[in-house]
Protein backbone atom coordinates (compact mmCIF):
# COMPACT_ATOMS: atom_id res chain seq x y z
CA MET A 1 4.97 -37.50 74.85
CA VAL A 2 4.50 -38.85 71.01
CA PHE A 3 3.66 -35.88 68.67
CA GLY A 4 1.97 -37.06 65.50
CA ARG A 5 -0.49 -36.23 63.09
CA SER A 6 -3.87 -34.95 64.72
CA SER A 7 -6.35 -37.69 63.99
CA ARG A 8 -9.28 -35.01 63.91
CA LYS A 9 -10.68 -34.62 60.52
CA LYS A 10 -11.01 -31.15 58.68
CA ARG A 11 -14.62 -30.62 58.64
CA PRO A 12 -16.24 -29.93 55.10
CA VAL A 13 -17.13 -26.24 54.07
CA GLU A 14 -20.49 -25.55 53.30
CA PRO A 15 -20.62 -23.22 50.50
CA VAL A 16 -22.15 -20.25 50.27
CA THR A 17 -24.98 -20.71 47.11
CA LEU A 18 -25.45 -17.19 44.99
CA LYS A 19 -28.04 -17.14 42.00
CA ILE A 20 -26.74 -14.97 39.36
CA LEU A 21 -28.82 -14.47 35.69
CA VAL A 22 -27.82 -13.90 32.37
CA ALA A 23 -29.33 -11.82 30.17
CA GLY A 24 -29.29 -9.56 27.16
CA GLY A 25 -31.06 -10.07 23.75
CA PHE A 26 -32.09 -13.40 21.25
CA GLY A 27 -29.01 -14.84 20.12
CA VAL A 28 -26.64 -12.71 21.68
CA GLY A 29 -24.64 -16.12 23.29
CA LYS A 30 -26.18 -16.63 26.90
CA THR A 31 -27.13 -20.45 26.29
CA THR A 32 -23.27 -20.74 25.24
CA LEU A 33 -21.90 -18.78 28.20
CA VAL A 34 -23.98 -20.72 30.52
CA GLY A 35 -22.71 -24.22 28.96
CA ALA A 36 -19.00 -22.72 28.45
CA VAL A 37 -18.47 -22.51 32.34
CA SER A 38 -21.12 -24.81 33.91
CA GLU A 39 -19.35 -27.87 35.77
CA ILE A 40 -22.56 -29.94 35.31
CA ARG A 41 -24.20 -30.40 32.37
CA PRO A 42 -26.57 -27.81 31.49
CA LEU A 43 -30.24 -27.48 31.15
CA ARG A 44 -31.26 -26.04 28.08
CA THR A 45 -35.00 -25.19 27.24
CA GLU A 46 -34.22 -24.79 23.63
CA GLU A 47 -36.66 -25.17 21.15
CA THR A 48 -36.37 -25.29 17.32
CA LEU A 49 -37.83 -21.82 15.34
CA SER A 50 -40.53 -22.27 13.63
CA GLU A 51 -42.65 -20.95 10.71
CA ALA A 52 -45.35 -19.39 13.63
CA GLY A 53 -42.73 -17.46 14.85
CA ARG A 54 -40.67 -15.65 12.23
CA PRO A 55 -43.22 -12.67 12.39
CA VAL A 56 -42.25 -11.64 15.92
CA ASP A 57 -38.50 -12.88 16.25
CA ASP A 58 -36.05 -10.33 14.78
CA LEU A 59 -33.24 -12.33 13.35
CA ALA A 60 -31.46 -9.95 11.60
CA GLY A 61 -28.05 -10.49 12.48
CA VAL A 62 -28.42 -14.07 13.25
CA GLU A 63 -30.37 -15.43 10.29
CA ALA A 64 -28.29 -18.29 11.05
CA LYS A 65 -29.97 -19.32 14.49
CA THR A 66 -32.13 -22.47 14.43
CA THR A 67 -33.33 -22.68 17.96
CA THR A 68 -34.15 -20.07 20.95
CA THR A 69 -34.35 -20.45 24.65
CA VAL A 70 -37.92 -21.11 25.87
CA ALA A 71 -37.98 -21.04 29.54
CA MET A 72 -34.42 -20.47 30.86
CA ASP A 73 -30.81 -22.17 30.98
CA PHE A 74 -29.43 -23.33 33.89
CA GLY A 75 -25.51 -23.91 35.19
CA ARG A 76 -23.31 -24.15 37.95
CA ILE A 77 -19.79 -23.14 38.96
CA THR A 78 -17.63 -23.48 41.93
CA LEU A 79 -15.52 -20.07 41.83
CA ARG A 80 -14.07 -21.16 45.60
CA GLU A 81 -14.15 -24.43 47.74
CA ASP A 82 -16.74 -22.01 49.72
CA LEU A 83 -18.59 -20.13 46.83
CA VAL A 84 -21.14 -21.84 44.38
CA LEU A 85 -23.13 -19.69 41.77
CA TYR A 86 -26.10 -20.79 40.17
CA LEU A 87 -26.66 -19.56 36.76
CA PHE A 88 -29.69 -18.97 35.14
CA GLY A 89 -30.00 -17.61 31.54
CA THR A 90 -33.10 -15.81 30.55
CA PRO A 91 -35.08 -16.10 27.63
CA GLY A 92 -34.19 -13.38 24.68
CA GLN A 93 -37.46 -12.35 23.18
CA ASP A 94 -39.76 -10.12 24.27
CA ARG A 95 -42.60 -13.19 24.37
CA PHE A 96 -40.90 -14.55 27.20
CA TRP A 97 -40.07 -11.40 28.99
CA PHE A 98 -43.05 -12.84 31.40
CA LEU A 99 -40.37 -15.17 32.72
CA TRP A 100 -37.82 -12.94 33.56
CA ASP A 101 -39.47 -11.85 36.95
CA GLU A 102 -39.87 -15.49 38.26
CA LEU A 103 -36.43 -15.86 37.49
CA ALA A 104 -34.97 -12.80 39.29
CA GLN A 105 -36.42 -13.69 42.52
CA GLY A 106 -33.33 -14.20 45.04
CA ALA A 107 -30.55 -12.78 42.58
CA LEU A 108 -27.90 -11.72 43.70
CA GLY A 109 -26.81 -10.36 40.17
CA ALA A 110 -26.76 -10.13 36.60
CA VAL A 111 -24.44 -10.29 33.76
CA VAL A 112 -26.14 -8.28 30.51
CA LEU A 113 -24.38 -10.00 27.84
CA ALA A 114 -24.23 -7.64 24.88
CA ASP A 115 -23.29 -7.92 20.46
CA THR A 116 -22.21 -4.12 19.37
CA ARG A 117 -23.97 -5.38 15.82
CA ARG A 118 -26.98 -5.15 17.88
CA LEU A 119 -26.54 -3.27 20.94
CA GLU A 120 -30.09 -1.87 21.25
CA ASP A 121 -31.20 -5.90 22.08
CA CYS A 122 -29.83 -5.31 25.27
CA PHE A 123 -31.56 -2.21 26.30
CA ALA A 124 -34.37 -3.92 28.00
CA ALA A 125 -32.04 -5.85 30.04
CA VAL A 126 -30.25 -2.95 31.21
CA ASP A 127 -33.25 -1.47 32.16
CA TYR A 128 -34.82 -4.39 34.11
CA PHE A 129 -32.18 -4.51 36.24
CA GLU A 130 -31.54 -0.64 36.98
CA ARG A 131 -35.38 -0.28 37.52
CA ARG A 132 -35.08 -3.01 40.27
CA LYS A 133 -31.75 -2.10 41.71
CA ILE A 134 -30.18 -5.63 41.03
CA PRO A 135 -26.38 -5.48 40.66
CA PHE A 136 -25.07 -6.13 36.87
CA THR A 137 -22.51 -6.03 34.37
CA VAL A 138 -22.60 -5.79 31.07
CA ALA A 139 -20.04 -7.98 29.20
CA VAL A 140 -19.57 -7.58 25.26
CA ASN A 141 -19.15 -10.65 23.82
CA ARG A 142 -16.68 -10.52 20.99
CA PHE A 143 -18.48 -12.21 17.76
CA GLU A 144 -16.40 -12.85 14.89
CA GLY A 145 -16.70 -10.19 12.12
CA ALA A 146 -18.21 -7.95 14.64
CA GLU A 147 -16.44 -4.18 14.76
CA ALA A 148 -14.40 -3.59 17.78
CA PHE A 149 -15.61 -0.53 19.73
CA PRO A 150 -14.14 0.86 22.53
CA ALA A 151 -15.64 0.40 25.80
CA GLY A 152 -16.02 4.09 26.38
CA THR A 153 -18.33 3.97 23.42
CA VAL A 154 -20.34 1.19 24.44
CA ARG A 155 -20.94 2.34 27.48
CA ALA A 156 -22.02 5.83 26.34
CA ALA A 157 -24.52 3.97 23.97
CA LEU A 158 -25.58 1.93 26.53
CA ASP A 159 -25.91 5.17 29.21
CA LEU A 160 -24.62 2.96 32.06
CA ASP A 161 -23.92 4.63 35.46
CA PRO A 162 -20.53 4.85 36.36
CA GLU A 163 -20.33 1.94 38.95
CA VAL A 164 -21.44 -0.31 36.39
CA GLU A 165 -18.67 -2.86 35.03
CA LEU A 166 -18.07 -3.30 31.40
CA LEU A 167 -16.43 -5.80 30.28
CA MET A 168 -15.14 -7.79 26.67
CA CYS A 169 -15.66 -11.33 26.47
CA ASP A 170 -15.95 -14.27 24.50
CA ALA A 171 -18.99 -16.35 25.51
CA ARG A 172 -17.71 -19.52 24.35
CA ASP A 173 -14.38 -19.65 26.59
CA ARG A 174 -14.50 -20.86 30.30
CA ALA A 175 -11.79 -18.46 31.67
CA SER A 176 -13.27 -15.39 29.59
CA VAL A 177 -16.76 -16.05 31.15
CA ARG A 178 -15.49 -17.04 34.78
CA ASP A 179 -13.73 -13.34 34.70
CA VAL A 180 -16.88 -12.22 34.09
CA LEU A 181 -18.71 -14.05 36.64
CA VAL A 182 -16.25 -12.85 39.66
CA ALA A 183 -16.81 -9.01 38.34
CA VAL A 184 -20.53 -9.25 38.91
CA VAL A 185 -20.13 -11.22 42.44
CA GLU A 186 -17.49 -8.59 43.59
CA HIS A 187 -19.99 -5.73 42.10
CA ALA A 188 -22.60 -6.77 43.92
CA ALA A 189 -20.86 -7.46 47.20
CA ALA A 190 -19.65 -4.06 47.05
CA ARG A 191 -23.59 -3.05 46.62
CA VAL A 192 -24.41 -4.93 49.52
CA GLY A 193 -21.78 -3.36 51.68
CA ARG A 194 -22.29 0.05 50.61
CA ASP A 195 -26.10 -0.75 51.11
CA ARG A 196 -25.66 -1.99 54.78
CA GLN A 197 -23.60 1.02 55.98
CA PRO A 198 -24.97 3.22 58.51
CA ALA A 199 -26.47 6.24 57.07
CA ALA A 200 -24.93 9.72 58.19
CA THR A 201 -26.19 11.79 60.85
């Protein structure tokens, strides 16, 4: 009998695809975060800020910002051979919030990106995901020159539930953003597991 390598080829793995939202206030770094990890050229719907928008766009703290997302950002990252995330960055200004319900359809979870200089700007995103019971993780984007507050202080300011994870991150750094996305997936998977457990009789 001759022993040799099997001629059967390993079947390609069909990956599970999950949808993750990236939300937060205007100028917090959502477009940067999606672009930092996307393995494809990210889709961006940025437009130049106009004089007409100045009365409604709060530029305090982000005076150097010249563009804004008007629909969404889109990117893709493969976490494992069998797990692919599709990232959808939401627009930050109040006047584009009507798009959030469309973008949230089918989302497994979300990242709420926060800036400690404008922490109140992410309140609406936290409230949105809490009300719709979409699992989310808060990621504090470390901007140069921003005061570094302890995680407990930020958590208290946002009045987060104990199960909501809060992480520090750099939206420009691929490894840092990947850690945040892994945390979101793990948190969402744990929530799904709890929801599927039979109720105690």
